[in-house]
């Protein structure tokens, strides 16, 4: 017999312990589900396959399949974590820029600060902005300062030289909830002068195509070297 989801109801004329007496004969089949109680209502277990956002902010679409325990005997039982938020309320700083500020005093003492600037997204208001920093080799973040939610800059003073640092800016809302921070890295060289001029600079013309020039120079091993700028004229 072909099975359907059509609900069949039977009138109960008597109850004795766990035995029900029906007003008419019922066709009993394997795997059929029965419930005794209020008519037109039935409780069934279902396995959730997916949950997605619908067109309305207040509703979700749930895809399910009727659950049979014997089909999932080898299931590990893990339950996925489903994020229902739209992320529309997340507050993050934008355009975070870090600059190492090196100053040499008259006595030769070198002071190194990290200056950070950022912008706040439009129509977003943070209660506080928390600044963290650490050497890139460290695992734990160090909280430096808690700023007002309207702040757009910070200075981390007297950091060690010849070190790469990570800086993280975290925004919090009025309830104190902290959002995922924005991270950037900066290298503090500890010197004010730029890297040395490249040595051994050579220009050779391509043997096949005379319009092609090959440039070469000795590598610069200074740690604060960011790159090379080429000019022609």
N, C-alpha and C. Protein backbone atom coordinates (compact mmCIF):
# COMPACT_ATOMS: atom_id res chain seq x y z
N UNK A 1 0.85 -1.19 0.00
CA UNK A 1 0.00 0.00 0.00
C UNK A 1 0.89 1.24 0.00
N UNK A 2 0.58 2.23 -0.83
CA UNK A 2 1.35 3.46 -0.92
C UNK A 2 1.09 4.32 0.31
N UNK A 3 2.19 4.75 0.95
CA UNK A 3 2.07 5.57 2.15
C UNK A 3 2.01 7.04 1.79
N UNK A 4 1.18 7.76 2.51
CA UNK A 4 1.07 9.21 2.31
C UNK A 4 1.13 9.89 3.67
N UNK A 5 1.11 11.22 3.64
CA UNK A 5 1.11 12.00 4.88
C UNK A 5 -0.30 12.36 5.33
N UNK A 6 -1.29 11.74 4.69
CA UNK A 6 -2.68 12.02 5.06
C UNK A 6 -2.95 11.51 6.47
N UNK A 7 -3.54 12.36 7.31
CA UNK A 7 -3.81 12.00 8.70
C UNK A 7 -5.14 11.25 8.78
N UNK A 8 -5.09 10.05 9.36
CA UNK A 8 -6.30 9.25 9.55
C UNK A 8 -6.68 9.27 11.02
N UNK A 9 -7.94 9.52 11.29
CA UNK A 9 -8.42 9.62 12.66
C UNK A 9 -9.38 8.47 12.97
N UNK A 10 -9.31 7.96 14.21
CA UNK A 10 -10.19 6.89 14.67
C UNK A 10 -10.80 7.30 16.00
N UNK A 11 -12.07 7.07 16.12
CA UNK A 11 -12.75 7.36 17.38
C UNK A 11 -12.45 6.27 18.40
N UNK A 12 -12.12 6.69 19.63
CA UNK A 12 -11.81 5.76 20.71
C UNK A 12 -13.05 5.58 21.56
N UNK A 13 -13.46 4.28 21.73
CA UNK A 13 -14.66 4.00 22.52
C UNK A 13 -14.33 3.53 23.93
N UNK A 14 -13.07 3.11 24.14
CA UNK A 14 -12.72 2.65 25.48
C UNK A 14 -11.22 2.59 25.67
N UNK A 15 -10.77 2.76 26.94
CA UNK A 15 -9.36 2.72 27.29
C UNK A 15 -9.19 1.82 28.50
N UNK A 16 -8.25 0.85 28.40
CA UNK A 16 -7.95 -0.04 29.51
C UNK A 16 -6.44 -0.18 29.62
N UNK A 17 -5.85 0.54 30.56
CA UNK A 17 -4.40 0.53 30.68
C UNK A 17 -3.75 1.12 29.43
N UNK A 18 -2.96 0.28 28.70
CA UNK A 18 -2.30 0.72 27.47
C UNK A 18 -3.04 0.23 26.22
N UNK A 19 -4.30 -0.26 26.43
CA UNK A 19 -5.09 -0.80 25.32
C UNK A 19 -6.23 0.14 24.99
N UNK A 20 -6.35 0.48 23.68
CA UNK A 20 -7.43 1.34 23.21
C UNK A 20 -8.42 0.51 22.40
N UNK A 21 -9.68 0.79 22.55
CA UNK A 21 -10.73 0.16 21.74
C UNK A 21 -11.27 1.19 20.77
N UNK A 22 -11.18 0.88 19.47
CA UNK A 22 -11.60 1.81 18.44
C UNK A 22 -13.00 1.51 17.97
N UNK A 23 -13.66 2.54 17.47
CA UNK A 23 -15.03 2.38 16.97
C UNK A 23 -15.06 1.64 15.65
N UNK A 24 -13.91 1.64 14.92
CA UNK A 24 -13.82 0.95 13.63
C UNK A 24 -12.45 0.31 13.50
N UNK A 25 -12.33 -0.63 12.56
CA UNK A 25 -11.06 -1.32 12.36
C UNK A 25 -10.01 -0.39 11.76
N UNK A 26 -8.75 -0.53 12.21
CA UNK A 26 -7.64 0.27 11.69
C UNK A 26 -6.63 -0.65 11.04
N UNK A 27 -6.07 -0.20 9.90
CA UNK A 27 -5.05 -0.98 9.20
C UNK A 27 -3.69 -0.64 9.80
N UNK A 28 -3.07 -1.59 10.50
CA UNK A 28 -1.80 -1.38 11.18
C UNK A 28 -0.67 -1.80 10.25
N UNK A 29 0.30 -0.88 10.01
CA UNK A 29 1.43 -1.18 9.15
C UNK A 29 2.75 -0.83 9.86
N UNK A 30 3.83 -1.52 9.43
CA UNK A 30 5.15 -1.27 10.01
C UNK A 30 5.58 0.17 9.78
N UNK A 31 6.21 0.76 10.79
CA UNK A 31 6.75 2.13 10.75
C UNK A 31 5.67 3.21 10.80
N UNK A 32 4.40 2.82 10.94
CA UNK A 32 3.36 3.83 11.10
C UNK A 32 3.51 4.49 12.47
N UNK A 33 3.17 5.76 12.54
CA UNK A 33 3.21 6.51 13.80
C UNK A 33 1.78 6.74 14.28
N UNK A 34 1.56 6.55 15.57
CA UNK A 34 0.24 6.73 16.15
C UNK A 34 0.36 7.64 17.36
N UNK A 35 -0.67 8.42 17.56
CA UNK A 35 -0.71 9.26 18.75
C UNK A 35 -2.13 9.24 19.30
N UNK A 36 -2.21 9.31 20.60
CA UNK A 36 -3.53 9.30 21.24
C UNK A 36 -3.69 10.62 21.97
N UNK A 37 -4.68 11.36 21.59
CA UNK A 37 -4.90 12.65 22.22
C UNK A 37 -5.85 13.49 21.41
N UNK A 38 -5.59 14.79 21.39
CA UNK A 38 -6.48 15.72 20.69
C UNK A 38 -6.47 15.44 19.20
N UNK A 39 -7.64 15.41 18.60
CA UNK A 39 -7.77 15.09 17.18
C UNK A 39 -7.13 16.18 16.32
N UNK A 40 -6.65 15.79 15.12
CA UNK A 40 -6.05 16.65 14.08
C UNK A 40 -4.67 17.15 14.47
N UNK A 41 -4.08 16.70 15.56
CA UNK A 41 -2.74 17.12 15.95
C UNK A 41 -1.86 15.90 16.18
N UNK A 42 -0.58 16.00 15.74
CA UNK A 42 0.32 14.87 15.86
C UNK A 42 1.74 15.37 16.06
N UNK A 43 2.50 14.70 16.92
CA UNK A 43 3.89 15.06 17.17
C UNK A 43 4.81 14.08 16.47
N UNK A 44 5.73 14.59 15.64
CA UNK A 44 6.68 13.76 14.93
C UNK A 44 8.09 14.34 15.08
N UNK A 45 9.09 13.47 15.20
CA UNK A 45 10.48 13.98 15.23
C UNK A 45 10.97 14.24 13.81
N UNK A 46 11.70 15.34 13.63
CA UNK A 46 12.27 15.69 12.34
C UNK A 46 13.74 16.04 12.50
N UNK A 47 14.52 15.75 11.47
CA UNK A 47 15.94 16.11 11.43
C UNK A 47 16.08 17.39 10.61
N UNK A 48 16.68 18.42 11.19
CA UNK A 48 16.84 19.70 10.51
C UNK A 48 18.00 19.61 9.52
N UNK A 49 17.73 19.91 8.26
CA UNK A 49 18.75 19.87 7.22
C UNK A 49 19.41 21.22 7.02
N UNK A 50 18.64 22.28 7.09
CA UNK A 50 19.20 23.63 6.91
C UNK A 50 18.23 24.66 7.46
N UNK A 51 18.80 25.82 7.83
CA UNK A 51 18.00 26.96 8.27
C UNK A 51 18.53 28.18 7.54
N UNK A 52 17.67 28.90 6.88
CA UNK A 52 18.10 30.07 6.11
C UNK A 52 17.15 31.22 6.37
N UNK A 53 17.66 32.42 6.10
CA UNK A 53 16.86 33.62 6.27
C UNK A 53 15.88 33.76 5.12
N UNK A 54 14.65 34.13 5.43
CA UNK A 54 13.66 34.35 4.39
C UNK A 54 13.62 35.83 4.03
N UNK A 55 12.61 36.23 3.29
CA UNK A 55 12.52 37.63 2.88
C UNK A 55 12.25 38.57 4.04
N UNK A 56 11.67 38.05 5.10
CA UNK A 56 11.36 38.86 6.27
C UNK A 56 12.45 38.69 7.32
N UNK A 57 12.76 39.79 8.00
CA UNK A 57 13.78 39.75 9.05
C UNK A 57 13.34 38.88 10.22
N UNK A 58 12.03 38.72 10.42
CA UNK A 58 11.51 38.03 11.59
C UNK A 58 11.21 36.56 11.33
N UNK A 59 11.45 36.06 10.13
CA UNK A 59 11.12 34.66 9.84
C UNK A 59 12.34 33.94 9.27
N UNK A 60 12.33 32.61 9.42
CA UNK A 60 13.39 31.76 8.90
C UNK A 60 12.77 30.56 8.18
N UNK A 61 13.44 30.07 7.17
CA UNK A 61 13.00 28.89 6.44
C UNK A 61 13.76 27.68 6.96
N UNK A 62 13.06 26.67 7.42
CA UNK A 62 13.66 25.46 7.98
C UNK A 62 13.35 24.28 7.07
N UNK A 63 14.39 23.62 6.58
CA UNK A 63 14.21 22.42 5.76
C UNK A 63 14.47 21.20 6.63
N UNK A 64 13.52 20.27 6.65
CA UNK A 64 13.61 19.10 7.53
C UNK A 64 13.26 17.83 6.77
N UNK A 65 13.62 16.71 7.39
CA UNK A 65 13.22 15.40 6.90
C UNK A 65 12.79 14.59 8.13
N UNK A 66 11.75 13.77 7.94
CA UNK A 66 11.25 12.99 9.09
C UNK A 66 12.37 12.11 9.63
N UNK A 67 12.50 12.12 10.94
CA UNK A 67 13.64 11.48 11.60
C UNK A 67 13.33 10.03 11.96
N UNK A 68 14.22 9.13 11.50
CA UNK A 68 14.16 7.72 11.89
C UNK A 68 15.49 7.38 12.56
N UNK A 69 15.52 7.08 13.85
CA UNK A 69 16.78 6.86 14.57
C UNK A 69 17.67 5.80 13.94
N UNK A 70 17.06 4.74 13.36
CA UNK A 70 17.87 3.66 12.81
C UNK A 70 18.68 4.11 11.60
N UNK A 71 18.25 5.19 10.94
CA UNK A 71 18.99 5.69 9.78
C UNK A 71 20.24 6.46 10.18
N UNK A 72 20.30 6.89 11.43
CA UNK A 72 21.41 7.72 11.88
C UNK A 72 22.16 7.07 13.04
N UNK A 73 22.23 5.73 13.02
CA UNK A 73 22.88 5.02 14.11
C UNK A 73 24.36 5.37 14.21
N UNK A 74 25.00 5.68 13.05
CA UNK A 74 26.42 6.02 13.06
C UNK A 74 26.70 7.49 13.12
N UNK A 75 25.67 8.31 13.35
CA UNK A 75 25.85 9.75 13.40
C UNK A 75 26.66 10.13 14.63
N UNK A 76 27.57 11.10 14.48
CA UNK A 76 28.39 11.50 15.63
C UNK A 76 27.63 12.39 16.59
N UNK A 77 26.42 12.80 16.21
CA UNK A 77 25.59 13.57 17.12
C UNK A 77 25.97 15.03 17.24
N UNK A 78 26.89 15.51 16.42
CA UNK A 78 27.31 16.90 16.52
C UNK A 78 26.19 17.82 16.04
N UNK A 79 26.04 18.93 16.71
CA UNK A 79 25.00 19.89 16.37
C UNK A 79 25.66 21.14 15.80
N UNK A 80 25.33 21.54 14.57
CA UNK A 80 25.96 22.73 13.99
C UNK A 80 25.53 24.00 14.71
N UNK A 81 26.43 24.96 14.77
CA UNK A 81 26.11 26.26 15.34
C UNK A 81 25.63 27.17 14.21
N UNK A 82 24.39 27.60 14.27
CA UNK A 82 23.81 28.39 13.20
C UNK A 82 23.70 29.84 13.65
N UNK A 83 24.29 30.73 12.89
CA UNK A 83 24.27 32.15 13.21
C UNK A 83 23.08 32.79 12.50
N UNK A 84 22.10 33.27 13.28
CA UNK A 84 20.90 33.86 12.69
C UNK A 84 21.02 35.37 12.51
N UNK A 85 22.08 35.97 12.98
CA UNK A 85 22.21 37.42 12.89
C UNK A 85 22.50 37.85 11.47
N UNK A 86 22.12 39.08 11.15
CA UNK A 86 22.34 39.63 9.82
C UNK A 86 23.65 40.40 9.73
N UNK A 87 24.34 40.55 10.85
CA UNK A 87 25.59 41.30 10.92
C UNK A 87 25.40 42.79 10.64
N UNK A 88 24.14 43.25 10.56
CA UNK A 88 23.90 44.64 10.23
C UNK A 88 24.25 45.57 11.39
N UNK A 89 24.37 45.02 12.60
CA UNK A 89 24.66 45.87 13.75
C UNK A 89 26.13 45.82 14.16
N UNK A 90 26.96 45.15 13.40
CA UNK A 90 28.37 45.01 13.75
C UNK A 90 29.08 46.35 13.54
N UNK A 91 29.90 46.73 14.51
CA UNK A 91 30.65 47.98 14.44
C UNK A 91 32.14 47.65 14.33
N UNK A 92 32.78 48.08 13.25
CA UNK A 92 34.21 47.90 13.04
C UNK A 92 34.80 49.19 12.52
N UNK A 93 36.02 49.49 12.96
CA UNK A 93 36.70 50.65 12.40
C UNK A 93 37.14 50.32 10.97
N UNK A 94 37.34 51.34 10.16
CA UNK A 94 37.77 51.15 8.79
C UNK A 94 39.02 52.00 8.53
N UNK A 95 39.76 51.61 7.50
CA UNK A 95 40.96 52.36 7.08
C UNK A 95 41.96 52.53 8.23
N UNK A 96 42.25 51.45 8.92
CA UNK A 96 43.23 51.48 10.00
C UNK A 96 44.64 51.61 9.42
N UNK A 97 45.37 52.64 9.85
CA UNK A 97 46.73 52.89 9.38
C UNK A 97 47.66 52.99 10.59
N UNK A 98 48.79 52.26 10.53
CA UNK A 98 49.78 52.29 11.60
C UNK A 98 51.09 52.84 11.08
N UNK A 99 51.72 53.72 11.85
CA UNK A 99 52.99 54.32 11.47
C UNK A 99 53.93 54.28 12.68
N UNK A 100 55.16 53.81 12.45
CA UNK A 100 56.18 53.82 13.50
C UNK A 100 56.84 55.19 13.52
N UNK A 101 56.77 55.86 14.67
CA UNK A 101 57.33 57.21 14.83
C UNK A 101 58.61 57.10 15.65
N UNK A 102 59.74 57.38 15.02
CA UNK A 102 61.05 57.26 15.67
C UNK A 102 61.63 58.65 15.89
N UNK A 103 62.05 58.93 17.12
CA UNK A 103 62.64 60.23 17.46
C UNK A 103 63.97 60.01 18.17
N UNK A 104 64.99 60.74 17.75
CA UNK A 104 66.30 60.67 18.38
C UNK A 104 66.54 61.94 19.19
N UNK A 105 66.74 61.78 20.50
CA UNK A 105 66.98 62.92 21.37
C UNK A 105 68.42 63.40 21.23
N UNK A 106 68.73 64.59 21.82
CA UNK A 106 70.06 65.17 21.71
C UNK A 106 71.13 64.28 22.33
N UNK A 107 70.76 63.53 23.36
CA UNK A 107 71.74 62.66 24.00
C UNK A 107 71.89 61.32 23.27
N UNK A 108 71.22 61.17 22.13
CA UNK A 108 71.32 59.94 21.36
C UNK A 108 70.26 58.91 21.68
N UNK A 109 69.43 59.18 22.69
CA UNK A 109 68.36 58.24 23.04
C UNK A 109 67.32 58.17 21.92
N UNK A 110 66.93 56.96 21.59
CA UNK A 110 65.94 56.75 20.53
C UNK A 110 64.60 56.37 21.17
N UNK A 111 63.56 57.13 20.85
CA UNK A 111 62.21 56.84 21.33
C UNK A 111 61.35 56.39 20.15
N UNK A 112 60.62 55.31 20.34
CA UNK A 112 59.80 54.76 19.27
C UNK A 112 58.35 54.63 19.74
N UNK A 113 57.44 55.23 18.99
CA UNK A 113 56.01 55.13 19.27
C UNK A 113 55.32 54.50 18.06
N UNK A 114 54.14 53.96 18.32
CA UNK A 114 53.28 53.49 17.24
C UNK A 114 52.06 54.40 17.19
N UNK A 115 51.89 55.10 16.08
CA UNK A 115 50.73 55.96 15.88
C UNK A 115 49.71 55.25 15.01
N UNK A 116 48.48 55.21 15.48
CA UNK A 116 47.41 54.56 14.72
C UNK A 116 46.27 55.52 14.46
N UNK A 117 45.72 55.49 13.27
CA UNK A 117 44.55 56.29 12.92
C UNK A 117 43.54 55.39 12.20
N UNK A 118 42.26 55.73 12.31
CA UNK A 118 41.20 54.97 11.66
C UNK A 118 39.98 55.86 11.47
N UNK A 119 39.01 55.32 10.79
CA UNK A 119 37.74 56.00 10.61
C UNK A 119 36.62 55.12 11.16
N UNK A 120 35.53 55.78 11.52
CA UNK A 120 34.36 55.06 12.01
C UNK A 120 33.32 54.98 10.89
N UNK A 121 32.63 53.85 10.76
CA UNK A 121 31.62 53.73 9.69
C UNK A 121 30.45 54.69 9.92
N UNK A 122 29.86 55.10 8.83
CA UNK A 122 28.71 56.00 8.93
C UNK A 122 27.53 55.31 9.61
N UNK A 123 26.76 56.11 10.34
CA UNK A 123 25.54 55.62 11.01
C UNK A 123 25.82 54.52 12.02
N UNK A 124 27.07 54.43 12.50
CA UNK A 124 27.40 53.45 13.53
C UNK A 124 28.00 54.19 14.73
N UNK A 125 27.53 53.84 15.92
CA UNK A 125 28.01 54.50 17.13
C UNK A 125 28.56 53.45 18.08
N UNK A 126 29.83 53.60 18.45
CA UNK A 126 30.46 52.70 19.42
C UNK A 126 30.48 53.37 20.79
N UNK A 127 30.30 52.58 21.82
CA UNK A 127 30.40 53.13 23.17
C UNK A 127 31.85 53.34 23.55
N UNK A 128 32.68 52.34 23.28
CA UNK A 128 34.11 52.42 23.56
C UNK A 128 34.90 51.80 22.44
N UNK A 129 36.16 52.18 22.34
CA UNK A 129 37.10 51.57 21.41
C UNK A 129 38.29 51.07 22.23
N UNK A 130 38.56 49.77 22.15
CA UNK A 130 39.63 49.17 22.95
C UNK A 130 40.82 48.88 22.03
N UNK A 131 42.01 49.29 22.48
CA UNK A 131 43.23 49.12 21.69
C UNK A 131 44.07 48.03 22.32
N UNK A 132 44.44 47.03 21.52
CA UNK A 132 45.32 45.95 21.95
C UNK A 132 46.58 45.96 21.07
N UNK A 133 47.68 45.46 21.61
CA UNK A 133 48.87 45.29 20.79
C UNK A 133 49.73 44.17 21.36
N UNK A 134 50.63 43.65 20.50
CA UNK A 134 51.54 42.60 20.92
C UNK A 134 52.60 42.42 19.84
N UNK A 135 53.78 41.91 20.20
CA UNK A 135 54.73 41.49 19.16
C UNK A 135 54.11 40.35 18.36
N UNK A 136 54.41 40.27 17.09
CA UNK A 136 53.78 39.25 16.24
C UNK A 136 54.11 37.84 16.72
N UNK A 137 55.22 37.69 17.44
CA UNK A 137 55.61 36.36 17.92
C UNK A 137 54.88 35.97 19.20
N UNK A 138 54.21 36.93 19.85
CA UNK A 138 53.50 36.64 21.09
C UNK A 138 52.12 36.08 20.80
N UNK A 139 51.58 35.28 21.72
CA UNK A 139 50.27 34.68 21.56
C UNK A 139 49.17 35.52 22.21
N UNK A 140 49.48 36.15 23.33
CA UNK A 140 48.47 36.88 24.09
C UNK A 140 48.49 38.36 23.73
N UNK A 141 47.28 38.93 23.56
CA UNK A 141 47.16 40.36 23.33
C UNK A 141 47.29 41.12 24.63
N UNK A 142 47.87 42.30 24.57
CA UNK A 142 47.99 43.18 25.73
C UNK A 142 47.08 44.39 25.53
N UNK A 143 46.15 44.59 26.46
CA UNK A 143 45.26 45.75 26.33
C UNK A 143 46.03 47.02 26.68
N UNK A 144 45.99 47.97 25.76
CA UNK A 144 46.72 49.22 25.98
C UNK A 144 45.83 50.31 26.57
N UNK A 145 44.66 50.52 25.98
CA UNK A 145 43.83 51.62 26.44
C UNK A 145 42.39 51.43 25.97
N UNK A 146 41.45 51.95 26.78
CA UNK A 146 40.03 52.01 26.40
C UNK A 146 39.70 53.45 26.07
N UNK A 147 39.30 53.70 24.83
CA UNK A 147 39.05 55.06 24.36
C UNK A 147 37.55 55.31 24.24
N UNK A 148 37.20 56.58 24.14
CA UNK A 148 35.83 56.96 23.87
C UNK A 148 35.40 56.45 22.49
N UNK A 149 34.12 56.17 22.31
CA UNK A 149 33.63 55.61 21.07
C UNK A 149 33.79 56.50 19.86
N UNK A 150 34.10 57.78 20.05
CA UNK A 150 34.28 58.70 18.93
C UNK A 150 35.75 58.87 18.55
N UNK A 151 36.65 58.22 19.27
CA UNK A 151 38.08 58.38 19.01
C UNK A 151 38.47 57.80 17.66
N UNK A 152 39.44 58.45 17.02
CA UNK A 152 39.90 57.98 15.70
C UNK A 152 41.43 57.90 15.63
N UNK A 153 42.10 57.95 16.78
CA UNK A 153 43.56 57.84 16.76
C UNK A 153 44.07 57.39 18.12
N UNK A 154 45.29 56.87 18.14
CA UNK A 154 45.93 56.44 19.37
C UNK A 154 47.44 56.45 19.17
N UNK A 155 48.18 56.64 20.26
CA UNK A 155 49.63 56.55 20.25
C UNK A 155 50.07 55.57 21.33
N UNK A 156 50.78 54.53 20.92
CA UNK A 156 51.35 53.56 21.86
C UNK A 156 52.81 53.93 22.03
N UNK A 157 53.20 54.48 23.19
CA UNK A 157 54.56 55.03 23.33
C UNK A 157 55.60 54.01 23.77
N UNK A 158 56.85 54.36 23.48
CA UNK A 158 58.02 53.66 24.03
C UNK A 158 57.98 52.15 23.79
N UNK A 159 57.80 51.75 22.55
CA UNK A 159 57.84 50.33 22.22
C UNK A 159 59.28 49.94 21.87
N UNK A 160 59.56 48.66 21.93
CA UNK A 160 60.91 48.17 21.61
C UNK A 160 61.19 48.30 20.12
N UNK A 161 62.46 48.41 19.79
CA UNK A 161 62.85 48.57 18.39
C UNK A 161 63.18 47.22 17.74
N UNK A 162 63.26 47.26 16.42
CA UNK A 162 63.55 46.07 15.62
C UNK A 162 62.56 44.95 15.92
N UNK A 163 61.28 45.31 16.03
CA UNK A 163 60.23 44.35 16.37
C UNK A 163 59.02 44.62 15.47
N UNK A 164 58.40 43.55 14.99
CA UNK A 164 57.11 43.65 14.29
C UNK A 164 55.99 43.54 15.31
N UNK A 165 55.05 44.48 15.25
CA UNK A 165 53.93 44.50 16.19
C UNK A 165 52.61 44.30 15.45
N UNK A 166 51.68 43.65 16.14
CA UNK A 166 50.28 43.59 15.72
C UNK A 166 49.48 44.53 16.60
N UNK A 167 48.59 45.29 15.99
CA UNK A 167 47.70 46.19 16.72
C UNK A 167 46.27 45.84 16.34
N UNK A 168 45.40 45.75 17.35
CA UNK A 168 43.99 45.39 17.12
C UNK A 168 43.09 46.44 17.74
N UNK A 169 42.11 46.89 16.96
CA UNK A 169 41.14 47.88 17.42
C UNK A 169 39.77 47.21 17.51
N UNK A 170 39.18 47.23 18.71
CA UNK A 170 37.90 46.57 18.97
C UNK A 170 36.86 47.59 19.41
N UNK A 171 35.67 47.52 18.83
CA UNK A 171 34.56 48.40 19.22
C UNK A 171 33.59 47.66 20.12
N UNK A 172 33.00 48.38 21.08
CA UNK A 172 31.96 47.81 21.93
C UNK A 172 30.70 48.64 21.80
N UNK A 173 29.53 48.00 22.04
CA UNK A 173 28.27 48.73 21.97
C UNK A 173 27.80 49.13 23.35
N UNK A 174 26.59 49.65 23.44
CA UNK A 174 26.08 50.17 24.71
C UNK A 174 25.87 49.08 25.77
N UNK A 175 25.74 47.83 25.34
CA UNK A 175 25.57 46.75 26.30
C UNK A 175 26.90 46.15 26.74
N UNK A 176 28.00 46.65 26.16
CA UNK A 176 29.32 46.13 26.51
C UNK A 176 29.78 45.00 25.63
N UNK A 177 28.96 44.59 24.66
CA UNK A 177 29.35 43.50 23.76
C UNK A 177 30.46 43.97 22.85
N UNK A 178 31.51 43.14 22.71
CA UNK A 178 32.66 43.48 21.87
C UNK A 178 32.55 42.78 20.54
N UNK A 179 32.82 43.52 19.46
CA UNK A 179 32.78 42.95 18.12
C UNK A 179 34.19 42.50 17.71
N UNK A 180 34.25 41.72 16.65
CA UNK A 180 35.53 41.25 16.13
C UNK A 180 36.40 42.45 15.76
N UNK A 181 37.65 42.43 16.21
CA UNK A 181 38.53 43.57 15.99
C UNK A 181 39.14 43.61 14.61
N UNK A 182 39.71 44.75 14.28
CA UNK A 182 40.45 44.94 13.03
C UNK A 182 41.93 44.97 13.37
N UNK A 183 42.74 44.17 12.67
CA UNK A 183 44.15 44.03 12.98
C UNK A 183 45.03 44.54 11.84
N UNK A 184 46.17 45.12 12.23
CA UNK A 184 47.20 45.51 11.27
C UNK A 184 48.56 45.27 11.92
N UNK A 185 49.57 45.13 11.08
CA UNK A 185 50.94 44.92 11.57
C UNK A 185 51.80 46.12 11.20
N UNK A 186 52.81 46.39 12.02
CA UNK A 186 53.74 47.49 11.75
C UNK A 186 55.12 47.09 12.27
N UNK A 187 56.15 47.49 11.53
CA UNK A 187 57.53 47.19 11.95
C UNK A 187 58.16 48.45 12.52
N UNK A 188 58.74 48.32 13.71
CA UNK A 188 59.42 49.43 14.37
C UNK A 188 60.92 49.20 14.23
N UNK A 189 61.55 49.99 13.36
CA UNK A 189 62.96 49.77 13.05
C UNK A 189 63.89 50.35 14.10
N UNK A 190 63.49 51.49 14.67
CA UNK A 190 64.35 52.14 15.66
C UNK A 190 65.37 53.07 15.05
N UNK A 191 65.18 53.49 13.81
CA UNK A 191 66.09 54.44 13.18
C UNK A 191 65.29 55.39 12.31
N UNK A 192 65.79 56.60 12.14
CA UNK A 192 65.08 57.61 11.38
C UNK A 192 65.50 57.66 9.92
N UNK A 193 66.74 57.23 9.63
CA UNK A 193 67.24 57.32 8.27
C UNK A 193 66.65 56.20 7.42
N UNK A 194 66.44 56.43 6.13
CA UNK A 194 65.88 55.39 5.26
C UNK A 194 66.92 54.33 4.96
N UNK A 195 66.49 53.22 4.38
CA UNK A 195 67.45 52.18 3.97
C UNK A 195 68.48 52.75 3.00
N UNK A 196 69.64 52.12 2.98
CA UNK A 196 70.74 52.60 2.14
C UNK A 196 70.40 52.49 0.66
N UNK A 197 71.07 53.33 -0.13
CA UNK A 197 70.90 53.29 -1.58
C UNK A 197 71.39 51.94 -2.12
N UNK A 198 70.65 51.34 -3.02
CA UNK A 198 71.07 50.04 -3.56
C UNK A 198 72.46 50.11 -4.18
N UNK A 199 73.23 49.07 -3.98
CA UNK A 199 74.59 49.00 -4.53
C UNK A 199 74.62 48.05 -5.73
N UNK A 200 75.61 48.28 -6.61
CA UNK A 200 75.79 47.42 -7.76
C UNK A 200 74.68 47.51 -8.78
N UNK A 201 74.07 48.69 -8.91
CA UNK A 201 72.97 48.87 -9.85
C UNK A 201 73.46 48.78 -11.29
N UNK A 202 72.82 47.92 -12.09
CA UNK A 202 73.23 47.73 -13.49
C UNK A 202 72.01 47.74 -14.40
N UNK A 203 72.23 48.25 -15.60
CA UNK A 203 71.20 48.25 -16.64
C UNK A 203 71.79 47.60 -17.89
N UNK A 204 71.16 46.55 -18.38
CA UNK A 204 71.65 45.88 -19.59
C UNK A 204 70.51 45.75 -20.58
N UNK A 205 70.84 45.88 -21.85
CA UNK A 205 69.86 45.78 -22.92
C UNK A 205 69.65 44.34 -23.33
N UNK A 206 68.39 44.00 -23.56
CA UNK A 206 68.08 42.63 -23.95
C UNK A 206 68.74 42.30 -25.28
N UNK A 207 69.31 41.10 -25.39
CA UNK A 207 70.06 40.71 -26.58
C UNK A 207 69.14 40.50 -27.79
N UNK A 208 67.88 40.19 -27.54
CA UNK A 208 66.95 39.92 -28.63
C UNK A 208 66.06 41.12 -28.95
N UNK A 209 65.52 41.71 -27.91
CA UNK A 209 64.62 42.86 -28.07
C UNK A 209 65.29 44.09 -27.50
N UNK A 210 65.71 45.00 -28.34
CA UNK A 210 66.47 46.16 -27.89
C UNK A 210 65.62 47.15 -27.09
N UNK A 211 64.30 47.00 -27.14
CA UNK A 211 63.43 47.91 -26.37
C UNK A 211 63.26 47.46 -24.93
N UNK A 212 63.84 46.31 -24.57
CA UNK A 212 63.71 45.76 -23.22
C UNK A 212 65.03 45.97 -22.47
N UNK A 213 64.91 46.51 -21.24
CA UNK A 213 66.07 46.73 -20.38
C UNK A 213 65.97 45.83 -19.15
N UNK A 214 67.07 45.27 -18.73
CA UNK A 214 67.13 44.44 -17.53
C UNK A 214 67.86 45.20 -16.43
N UNK A 215 67.21 45.34 -15.26
CA UNK A 215 67.78 46.06 -14.13
C UNK A 215 68.17 45.05 -13.04
N UNK A 216 69.29 45.29 -12.39
CA UNK A 216 69.73 44.41 -11.31
C UNK A 216 70.53 45.21 -10.30
N UNK A 217 70.51 44.76 -9.04
CA UNK A 217 71.28 45.40 -7.97
C UNK A 217 71.46 44.40 -6.83
N UNK A 218 72.37 44.72 -5.96
CA UNK A 218 72.66 43.84 -4.83
C UNK A 218 71.50 43.92 -3.82
N UNK A 219 71.13 42.81 -3.21
CA UNK A 219 70.02 42.82 -2.26
C UNK A 219 70.33 43.64 -1.01
N UNK A 220 69.30 44.31 -0.51
CA UNK A 220 69.40 45.09 0.73
C UNK A 220 68.83 44.24 1.86
N UNK A 221 69.62 44.01 2.90
CA UNK A 221 69.20 43.12 4.00
C UNK A 221 68.68 43.88 5.21
N UNK A 222 68.51 45.19 5.11
CA UNK A 222 68.00 45.97 6.25
C UNK A 222 66.56 45.57 6.56
N UNK A 223 66.26 45.39 7.85
CA UNK A 223 64.97 44.85 8.26
C UNK A 223 63.80 45.77 7.97
N UNK A 224 64.06 47.09 7.88
CA UNK A 224 62.96 48.03 7.66
C UNK A 224 62.70 48.30 6.19
N UNK A 225 63.33 47.56 5.30
CA UNK A 225 63.12 47.75 3.87
C UNK A 225 61.72 47.29 3.49
N UNK A 226 60.95 48.20 2.92
CA UNK A 226 59.58 47.88 2.50
C UNK A 226 59.50 47.53 1.02
N UNK A 227 60.36 48.16 0.22
CA UNK A 227 60.33 47.91 -1.22
C UNK A 227 61.22 48.89 -1.95
N UNK A 228 61.16 48.84 -3.26
CA UNK A 228 61.96 49.71 -4.13
C UNK A 228 61.04 50.54 -5.01
N UNK A 229 61.43 51.77 -5.27
CA UNK A 229 60.72 52.64 -6.20
C UNK A 229 61.62 52.95 -7.38
N UNK A 230 61.16 52.67 -8.59
CA UNK A 230 61.96 52.88 -9.80
C UNK A 230 61.44 54.11 -10.54
N UNK A 231 62.39 54.91 -11.05
CA UNK A 231 62.06 56.10 -11.83
C UNK A 231 62.78 56.02 -13.16
N UNK A 232 62.17 56.59 -14.18
CA UNK A 232 62.86 56.71 -15.48
C UNK A 232 62.69 58.13 -16.01
N UNK A 233 63.54 58.50 -16.93
CA UNK A 233 63.44 59.84 -17.47
C UNK A 233 64.65 60.20 -18.31
